[in-house]
Amino acid sequence: MPQQQQVLRLRAVSVSPTVLESTTLVLAYGADLFFSRISPALHFDSLQSDFSYGLLVVALLALAIGTWFAGYSSQQAMLKAKWQ
């Protein structure tokens, strides 16, 4: 939703990033002040309040174990090939 605000005798506009990706804070000042948080229409980089952190941890552990197992299997296969 575009902002259609007017600041009288505009002196400067200050823009600052936030910790949340794709969000910016804007302050325009002069005779008036205008402050707004600007972000995309769809909050694609925000987590829902019911996000399953436990499932995320399980998935990361499964990926780490799978990576270790693939590396171990690859080393064993290369060692076996060298002995043949």
PDB file of N, CA and C in Angstrom:
ATOM      1  N   MET A   1       0.847  -1.172   0.000  1.00  0.00           N
ATOM      2  CA  MET A   1       0.000   0.000   0.000  1.00  0.00           C
ATOM      3  C   MET A   1       0.892   1.235   0.000  1.00  0.00           C
ATOM      4  N   PRO A   2       0.854   2.037  -1.036  1.00  0.00           N
ATOM      5  CA  PRO A   2       1.717   3.216  -1.103  1.00  0.00           C
ATOM      6  C   PRO A   2       1.326   4.263  -0.069  1.00  0.00           C
ATOM      7  N   GLN A   3       2.321   4.981   0.411  1.00  0.00           N
ATOM      8  CA  GLN A   3       2.098   6.047   1.379  1.00  0.00           C
ATOM      9  C   GLN A   3       1.954   7.365   0.629  1.00  0.00           C
ATOM     10  N   GLN A   4       0.877   8.060   0.848  1.00  0.00           N
ATOM     11  CA  GLN A   4       0.643   9.342   0.196  1.00  0.00           C
ATOM     12  C   GLN A   4       0.645  10.433   1.271  1.00  0.00           C
ATOM     13  N   GLN A   5       1.792  10.636   1.910  1.00  0.00           N
ATOM     14  CA  GLN A   5       1.902  11.626   2.981  1.00  0.00           C
ATOM     15  C   GLN A   5       2.777  12.775   2.503  1.00  0.00           C
ATOM     16  N   GLN A   6       2.493  13.964   3.010  1.00  0.00           N
ATOM     17  CA  GLN A   6       3.256  15.143   2.647  1.00  0.00           C
ATOM     18  C   GLN A   6       3.874  15.734   3.909  1.00  0.00           C
ATOM     19  N   VAL A   7       5.179  16.012   3.859  1.00  0.00           N
ATOM     20  CA  VAL A   7       5.886  16.629   4.981  1.00  0.00           C
ATOM     21  C   VAL A   7       6.227  18.060   4.566  1.00  0.00           C
ATOM     22  N   LEU A   8       5.705  19.025   5.308  1.00  0.00           N
ATOM     23  CA  LEU A   8       5.945  20.426   4.978  1.00  0.00           C
ATOM     24  C   LEU A   8       7.403  20.808   5.244  1.00  0.00           C
ATOM     25  N   ARG A   9       7.955  21.633   4.365  1.00  0.00           N
ATOM     26  CA  ARG A   9       9.353  22.110   4.457  1.00  0.00           C
ATOM     27  C   ARG A   9      10.303  20.947   4.771  1.00  0.00           C
ATOM     28  N   LEU A  10      10.275  19.954   3.930  1.00  0.00           N
ATOM     29  CA  LEU A  10      11.084  18.741   4.105  1.00  0.00           C
ATOM     30  C   LEU A  10      12.566  19.092   4.182  1.00  0.00           C
ATOM     31  N   ARG A  11      13.220  18.664   5.255  1.00  0.00           N
ATOM     32  CA  ARG A  11      14.660  18.885   5.425  1.00  0.00           C
ATOM     33  C   ARG A  11      15.462  17.670   4.987  1.00  0.00           C
ATOM     34  N   ALA A  12      15.037  16.491   5.426  1.00  0.00           N
ATOM     35  CA  ALA A  12      15.803  15.285   5.104  1.00  0.00           C
ATOM     36  C   ALA A  12      14.924  14.057   5.263  1.00  0.00           C
ATOM     37  N   VAL A  13      15.384  13.002   4.650  1.00  0.00           N
ATOM     38  CA  VAL A  13      14.755  11.694   4.780  1.00  0.00           C
ATOM     39  C   VAL A  13      15.842  10.736   5.255  1.00  0.00           C
ATOM     40  N   SER A  14      15.576  10.055   6.351  1.00  0.00           N
ATOM     41  CA  SER A  14      16.522   9.092   6.909  1.00  0.00           C
ATOM     42  C   SER A  14      15.950   7.689   6.729  1.00  0.00           C
ATOM     43  N   VAL A  15      16.766   6.798   6.191  1.00  0.00           N
ATOM     44  CA  VAL A  15      16.346   5.429   5.914  1.00  0.00           C
ATOM     45  C   VAL A  15      17.303   4.484   6.632  1.00  0.00           C
ATOM     46  N   SER A  16      16.744   3.448   7.276  1.00  0.00           N
ATOM     47  CA  SER A  16      17.567   2.512   8.030  1.00  0.00           C
ATOM     48  C   SER A  16      17.047   1.087   7.837  1.00  0.00           C
ATOM     49  N   PRO A  17      17.968   0.122   7.619  1.00  0.00           N
ATOM     50  CA  PRO A  17      17.520  -1.275   7.521  1.00  0.00           C
ATOM     51  C   PRO A  17      17.159  -1.819   8.895  1.00  0.00           C
ATOM     52  N   THR A  18      16.405  -2.904   8.917  1.00  0.00           N
ATOM     53  CA  THR A  18      16.053  -3.559  10.166  1.00  0.00           C
ATOM     54  C   THR A  18      16.651  -4.951  10.195  1.00  0.00           C
ATOM     55  N   VAL A  19      16.519  -5.619  11.323  1.00  0.00           N
ATOM     56  CA  VAL A  19      17.011  -6.988  11.450  1.00  0.00           C
ATOM     57  C   VAL A  19      16.205  -7.919  10.548  1.00  0.00           C
ATOM     58  N   LEU A  20      14.934  -7.644  10.415  1.00  0.00           N
ATOM     59  CA  LEU A  20      14.066  -8.443   9.552  1.00  0.00           C
ATOM     60  C   LEU A  20      14.374  -8.111   8.102  1.00  0.00           C
ATOM     61  N   GLU A  21      14.714  -9.131   7.341  1.00  0.00           N
ATOM     62  CA  GLU A  21      15.093  -8.946   5.947  1.00  0.00           C
ATOM     63  C   GLU A  21      13.958  -8.301   5.151  1.00  0.00           C
ATOM     64  N   SER A  22      14.305  -7.460   4.198  1.00  0.00           N
ATOM     65  CA  SER A  22      13.370  -6.797   3.288  1.00  0.00           C
ATOM     66  C   SER A  22      12.470  -5.781   3.973  1.00  0.00           C
ATOM     67  N   THR A  23      12.851  -5.301   5.140  1.00  0.00           N
ATOM     68  CA  THR A  23      12.072  -4.275   5.829  1.00  0.00           C
ATOM     69  C   THR A  23      12.969  -3.069   6.085  1.00  0.00           C
ATOM     70  N   THR A  24      12.418  -1.888   5.877  1.00  0.00           N
ATOM     71  CA  THR A  24      13.179  -0.655   6.031  1.00  0.00           C
ATOM     72  C   THR A  24      12.365   0.331   6.861  1.00  0.00           C
ATOM     73  N   LEU A  25      13.056   1.104   7.704  1.00  0.00           N
ATOM     74  CA  LEU A  25      12.412   2.175   8.466  1.00  0.00           C
ATOM     75  C   LEU A  25      12.718   3.498   7.781  1.00  0.00           C
ATOM     76  N   VAL A  26      11.692   4.330   7.615  1.00  0.00           N
ATOM     77  CA  VAL A  26      11.845   5.610   6.920  1.00  0.00           C
ATOM     78  C   VAL A  26      11.353   6.724   7.835  1.00  0.00           C
ATOM     79  N   LEU A  27      12.174   7.756   7.995  1.00  0.00           N
ATOM     80  CA  LEU A  27      11.799   8.935   8.770  1.00  0.00           C
ATOM     81  C   LEU A  27      12.024  10.162   7.890  1.00  0.00           C
ATOM     82  N   ALA A  28      10.962  10.915   7.650  1.00  0.00           N
ATOM     83  CA  ALA A  28      11.048  12.176   6.914  1.00  0.00           C
ATOM     84  C   ALA A  28      10.741  13.283   7.912  1.00  0.00           C
ATOM     85  N   TYR A  29      11.577  14.328   7.912  1.00  0.00           N
ATOM     86  CA  TYR A  29      11.331  15.396   8.873  1.00  0.00           C
ATOM     87  C   TYR A  29      11.589  16.765   8.258  1.00  0.00           C
ATOM     88  N   GLY A  30      10.913  17.701   8.801  1.00  0.00           N
ATOM     89  CA  GLY A  30      10.936  19.103   8.400  1.00  0.00           C
ATOM     90  C   GLY A  30      10.044  19.827   9.384  1.00  0.00           C
ATOM     91  N   ALA A  31       9.007  20.539   8.895  1.00  0.00           N
ATOM     92  CA  ALA A  31       8.030  21.149   9.792  1.00  0.00           C
ATOM     93  C   ALA A  31       7.164  20.062  10.432  1.00  0.00           C
ATOM     94  N   ASP A  32       7.011  18.939   9.732  1.00  0.00           N
ATOM     95  CA  ASP A  32       6.275  17.778  10.236  1.00  0.00           C
ATOM     96  C   ASP A  32       7.215  16.589  10.327  1.00  0.00           C
ATOM     97  N   LEU A  33       6.731  15.544  10.970  1.00  0.00           N
ATOM     98  CA  LEU A  33       7.458  14.276  11.024  1.00  0.00           C
ATOM     99  C   LEU A  33       6.613  13.189  10.378  1.00  0.00           C
ATOM    100  N   PHE A  34       7.267  12.301   9.661  1.00  0.00           N
ATOM    101  CA  PHE A  34       6.583  11.136   9.117  1.00  0.00           C
ATOM    102  C   PHE A  34       7.500   9.940   9.314  1.00  0.00           C
ATOM    103  N   PHE A  35       6.979   8.879   9.957  1.00  0.00           N
ATOM    104  CA  PHE A  35       7.749   7.656  10.199  1.00  0.00           C
ATOM    105  C   PHE A  35       6.936   6.475   9.703  1.00  0.00           C
ATOM    106  N   SER A  36       7.612   5.553   9.009  1.00  0.00           N
ATOM    107  CA  SER A  36       6.904   4.393   8.489  1.00  0.00           C
ATOM    108  C   SER A  36       7.854   3.210   8.369  1.00  0.00           C
ATOM    109  N   ARG A  37       7.285   2.025   8.494  1.00  0.00           N
ATOM    110  CA  ARG A  37       8.011   0.790   8.221  1.00  0.00           C
ATOM    111  C   ARG A  37       7.581   0.321   6.832  1.00  0.00           C
ATOM    112  N   ILE A  38       8.544   0.124   5.954  1.00  0.00           N
ATOM    113  CA  ILE A  38       8.260  -0.269   4.579  1.00  0.00           C
ATOM    114  C   ILE A  38       8.699  -1.718   4.399  1.00  0.00           C
ATOM    115  N   SER A  39       7.786  -2.539   3.875  1.00  0.00           N
ATOM    116  CA  SER A  39       8.106  -3.944   3.613  1.00  0.00           C
ATOM    117  C   SER A  39       7.297  -4.411   2.405  1.00  0.00           C
ATOM    118  N   PRO A  40       7.706  -5.536   1.805  1.00  0.00           N
ATOM    119  CA  PRO A  40       6.941  -6.054   0.669  1.00  0.00           C
ATOM    120  C   PRO A  40       5.512  -6.397   1.078  1.00  0.00           C
ATOM    121  N   ALA A  41       4.624  -6.481   0.108  1.00  0.00           N
ATOM    122  CA  ALA A  41       3.222  -6.794   0.384  1.00  0.00           C
ATOM    123  C   ALA A  41       3.078  -8.181   0.991  1.00  0.00           C
ATOM    124  N   LEU A  42       3.871  -9.132   0.514  1.00  0.00           N
ATOM    125  CA  LEU A  42       3.835 -10.493   1.051  1.00  0.00           C
ATOM    126  C   LEU A  42       5.044 -10.679   1.955  1.00  0.00           C
ATOM    127  N   HIS A  43       4.827 -11.052   3.181  1.00  0.00           N
ATOM    128  CA  HIS A  43       5.930 -11.233   4.130  1.00  0.00           C
ATOM    129  C   HIS A  43       6.528 -12.618   3.937  1.00  0.00           C
ATOM    130  N   PHE A  44       7.271 -12.783   2.829  1.00  0.00           N
ATOM    131  CA  PHE A  44       7.825 -14.075   2.485  1.00  0.00           C
ATOM    132  C   PHE A  44       8.976 -14.490   3.392  1.00  0.00           C
ATOM    133  N   ASP A  45       9.585 -13.560   4.097  1.00  0.00           N
ATOM    134  CA  ASP A  45      10.711 -13.909   4.956  1.00  0.00           C
ATOM    135  C   ASP A  45      10.351 -13.862   6.442  1.00  0.00           C
ATOM    136  N   SER A  46       9.079 -13.887   6.757  1.00  0.00           N
ATOM    137  CA  SER A  46       8.618 -13.912   8.145  1.00  0.00           C
ATOM    138  C   SER A  46       8.085 -15.299   8.484  1.00  0.00           C
ATOM    139  N   LEU A  47       8.399 -15.782   9.664  1.00  0.00           N
ATOM    140  CA  LEU A  47       7.900 -17.082  10.093  1.00  0.00           C
ATOM    141  C   LEU A  47       6.521 -16.926  10.715  1.00  0.00           C
ATOM    142  N   GLN A  48       5.690 -17.917  10.482  1.00  0.00           N
ATOM    143  CA  GLN A  48       4.370 -17.925  11.096  1.00  0.00           C
ATOM    144  C   GLN A  48       4.519 -18.168  12.599  1.00  0.00           C
ATOM    145  N   SER A  49       3.541 -17.774  13.379  1.00  0.00           N
ATOM    146  CA  SER A  49       3.611 -17.945  14.833  1.00  0.00           C
ATOM    147  C   SER A  49       3.589 -19.424  15.229  1.00  0.00           C
ATOM    148  N   ASP A  50       3.025 -20.288  14.389  1.00  0.00           N
ATOM    149  CA  ASP A  50       2.969 -21.719  14.711  1.00  0.00           C
ATOM    150  C   ASP A  50       4.058 -22.517  13.991  1.00  0.00           C
ATOM    151  N   PHE A  51       5.158 -21.849  13.615  1.00  0.00           N
ATOM    152  CA  PHE A  51       6.265 -22.520  12.924  1.00  0.00           C
ATOM    153  C   PHE A  51       6.853 -23.610  13.811  1.00  0.00           C
ATOM    154  N   SER A  52       7.111 -24.779  13.240  1.00  0.00           N
ATOM    155  CA  SER A  52       7.609 -25.929  13.996  1.00  0.00           C
ATOM    156  C   SER A  52       9.141 -25.922  14.051  1.00  0.00           C
ATOM    157  N   TYR A  53       9.690 -25.371  15.116  1.00  0.00           N
ATOM    158  CA  TYR A  53      11.144 -25.342  15.279  1.00  0.00           C
ATOM    159  C   TYR A  53      11.687 -26.750  15.523  1.00  0.00           C
ATOM    160  N   GLY A  54      10.917 -27.586  16.196  1.00  0.00           N
ATOM    161  CA  GLY A  54      11.347 -28.961  16.449  1.00  0.00           C
ATOM    162  C   GLY A  54      11.554 -29.725  15.151  1.00  0.00           C
ATOM    163  N   LEU A  55      10.641 -29.574  14.215  1.00  0.00           N
ATOM    164  CA  LEU A  55      10.760 -30.231  12.921  1.00  0.00           C
ATOM    165  C   LEU A  55      11.970 -29.704  12.160  1.00  0.00           C
ATOM    166  N   LEU A  56      12.253 -28.428  12.279  1.00  0.00           N
ATOM    167  CA  LEU A  56      13.433 -27.850  11.638  1.00  0.00           C
ATOM    168  C   LEU A  56      14.711 -28.469  12.197  1.00  0.00           C
ATOM    169  N   VAL A  57      14.790 -28.619  13.518  1.00  0.00           N
ATOM    170  CA  VAL A  57      15.967 -29.219  14.150  1.00  0.00           C
ATOM    171  C   VAL A  57      16.125 -30.672  13.709  1.00  0.00           C
ATOM    172  N   VAL A  58      15.030 -31.420  13.674  1.00  0.00           N
ATOM    173  CA  VAL A  58      15.075 -32.819  13.232  1.00  0.00           C
ATOM    174  C   VAL A  58      15.549 -32.900  11.786  1.00  0.00           C
ATOM    175  N   ALA A  59      15.055 -32.038  10.925  1.00  0.00           N
ATOM    176  CA  ALA A  59      15.461 -32.043   9.517  1.00  0.00           C
ATOM    177  C   ALA A  59      16.954 -31.724   9.378  1.00  0.00           C
ATOM    178  N   LEU A  60      17.439 -30.751  10.137  1.00  0.00           N
ATOM    179  CA  LEU A  60      18.861 -30.404  10.074  1.00  0.00           C
ATOM    180  C   LEU A  60      19.731 -31.542  10.591  1.00  0.00           C
ATOM    181  N   LEU A  61      19.311 -32.198  11.660  1.00  0.00           N
ATOM    182  CA  LEU A  61      20.063 -33.343  12.167  1.00  0.00           C
ATOM    183  C   LEU A  61      20.080 -34.477  11.145  1.00  0.00           C
ATOM    184  N   ALA A  62      18.952 -34.743  10.503  1.00  0.00           N
ATOM    185  CA  ALA A  62      18.885 -35.788   9.480  1.00  0.00           C
ATOM    186  C   ALA A  62      19.815 -35.458   8.320  1.00  0.00           C
ATOM    187  N   LEU A  63      19.851 -34.207   7.901  1.00  0.00           N
ATOM    188  CA  LEU A  63      20.753 -33.809   6.817  1.00  0.00           C
ATOM    189  C   LEU A  63      22.215 -33.953   7.233  1.00  0.00           C
ATOM    190  N   ALA A  64      22.542 -33.586   8.469  1.00  0.00           N
ATOM    191  CA  ALA A  64      23.926 -33.715   8.949  1.00  0.00           C
ATOM    192  C   ALA A  64      24.336 -35.180   9.006  1.00  0.00           C
ATOM    193  N   ILE A  65      23.476 -36.037   9.525  1.00  0.00           N
ATOM    194  CA  ILE A  65      23.790 -37.473   9.606  1.00  0.00           C
ATOM    195  C   ILE A  65      23.902 -38.061   8.204  1.00  0.00           C
ATOM    196  N   GLY A  66      22.996 -37.683   7.301  1.00  0.00           N
ATOM    197  CA  GLY A  66      23.061 -38.162   5.922  1.00  0.00           C
ATOM    198  C   GLY A  66      24.340 -37.731   5.229  1.00  0.00           C
ATOM    199  N   THR A  67      24.773 -36.509   5.456  1.00  0.00           N
ATOM    200  CA  THR A  67      26.025 -36.013   4.866  1.00  0.00           C
ATOM    201  C   THR A  67      27.216 -36.785   5.408  1.00  0.00           C
ATOM    202  N   TRP A  68      27.241 -37.006   6.718  1.00  0.00           N
ATOM    203  CA  TRP A  68      28.334 -37.782   7.314  1.00  0.00           C
ATOM    204  C   TRP A  68      28.350 -39.199   6.747  1.00  0.00           C
ATOM    205  N   PHE A  69      27.196 -39.848   6.655  1.00  0.00           N
ATOM    206  CA  PHE A  69      27.119 -41.212   6.141  1.00  0.00           C
ATOM    207  C   PHE A  69      27.568 -41.281   4.685  1.00  0.00           C
ATOM    208  N   ALA A  70      27.180 -40.309   3.867  1.00  0.00           N
ATOM    209  CA  ALA A  70      27.594 -40.291   2.461  1.00  0.00           C
ATOM    210  C   ALA A  70      29.107 -40.134   2.345  1.00  0.00           C
ATOM    211  N   GLY A  71      29.704 -39.266   3.171  1.00  0.00           N
ATOM    212  CA  GLY A  71      31.161 -39.098   3.154  1.00  0.00           C
ATOM    213  C   GLY A  71      31.878 -40.352   3.601  1.00  0.00           C
ATOM    214  N   TYR A  72      31.377 -40.980   4.662  1.00  0.00           N
ATOM    215  CA  TYR A  72      31.975 -42.213   5.174  1.00  0.00           C
ATOM    216  C   TYR A  72      31.895 -43.320   4.125  1.00  0.00           C
ATOM    217  N   SER A  73      30.738 -43.474   3.491  1.00  0.00           N
ATOM    218  CA  SER A  73      30.563 -44.506   2.463  1.00  0.00           C
ATOM    219  C   SER A  73      31.478 -44.252   1.280  1.00  0.00           C
ATOM    220  N   SER A  74      31.633 -42.995   0.894  1.00  0.00           N
ATOM    221  CA  SER A  74      32.504 -42.636  -0.225  1.00  0.00           C
ATOM    222  C   SER A  74      33.961 -42.983   0.099  1.00  0.00           C
ATOM    223  N   GLN A  75      34.402 -42.684   1.318  1.00  0.00           N
ATOM    224  CA  GLN A  75      35.775 -43.018   1.724  1.00  0.00           C
ATOM    225  C   GLN A  75      35.992 -44.525   1.704  1.00  0.00           C
ATOM    226  N   GLN A  76      35.031 -45.278   2.208  1.00  0.00           N
ATOM    227  CA  GLN A  76      35.149 -46.741   2.223  1.00  0.00           C
ATOM    228  C   GLN A  76      35.199 -47.296   0.805  1.00  0.00           C
ATOM    229  N   ALA A  77      34.393 -46.761  -0.097  1.00  0.00           N
ATOM    230  CA  ALA A  77      34.390 -47.224  -1.482  1.00  0.00           C
ATOM    231  C   ALA A  77      35.713 -46.895  -2.166  1.00  0.00           C
ATOM    232  N   MET A  78      36.265 -45.721  -1.913  1.00  0.00           N
ATOM    233  CA  MET A  78      37.558 -45.359  -2.531  1.00  0.00           C
ATOM    234  C   MET A  78      38.673 -46.241  -1.966  1.00  0.00           C
ATOM    235  N   LEU A  79      38.648 -46.520  -0.677  1.00  0.00           N
ATOM    236  CA  LEU A  79      39.659 -47.380  -0.070  1.00  0.00           C
ATOM    237  C   LEU A  79      39.573 -48.791  -0.637  1.00  0.00           C
ATOM    238  N   LYS A  80      38.372 -49.305  -0.777  1.00  0.00           N
ATOM    239  CA  LYS A  80      38.164 -50.632  -1.340  1.00  0.00           C
ATOM    240  C   LYS A  80      38.654 -50.694  -2.799  1.00  0.00           C
ATOM    241  N   ALA A  81      38.406 -49.630  -3.568  1.00  0.00           N
ATOM    242  CA  ALA A  81      38.838 -49.593  -4.960  1.00  0.00           C
ATOM    243  C   ALA A  81      40.357 -49.577  -5.059  1.00  0.00           C
ATOM    244  N   LYS A  82      41.044 -48.912  -4.128  1.00  0.00           N
ATOM    245  CA  LYS A  82      42.508 -48.857  -4.151  1.00  0.00           C
ATOM    246  C   LYS A  82      43.128 -50.222  -3.834  1.00  0.00           C
ATOM    247  N   TRP A  83      42.465 -51.045  -3.057  1.00  0.00           N
ATOM    248  CA  TRP A  83      42.997 -52.339  -2.676  1.00  0.00           C
ATOM    249  C   TRP A  83      42.729 -53.416  -3.755  1.00  0.00           C
ATOM    250  N   GLN A  84      41.917 -53.114  -4.729  1.00  0.00           N
ATOM    251  CA  GLN A  84      41.635 -54.111  -5.767  1.00  0.00           C
ATOM    252  C   GLN A  84      42.599 -54.037  -6.903  1.00  0.00           C
TER     253      GLN A  84
END
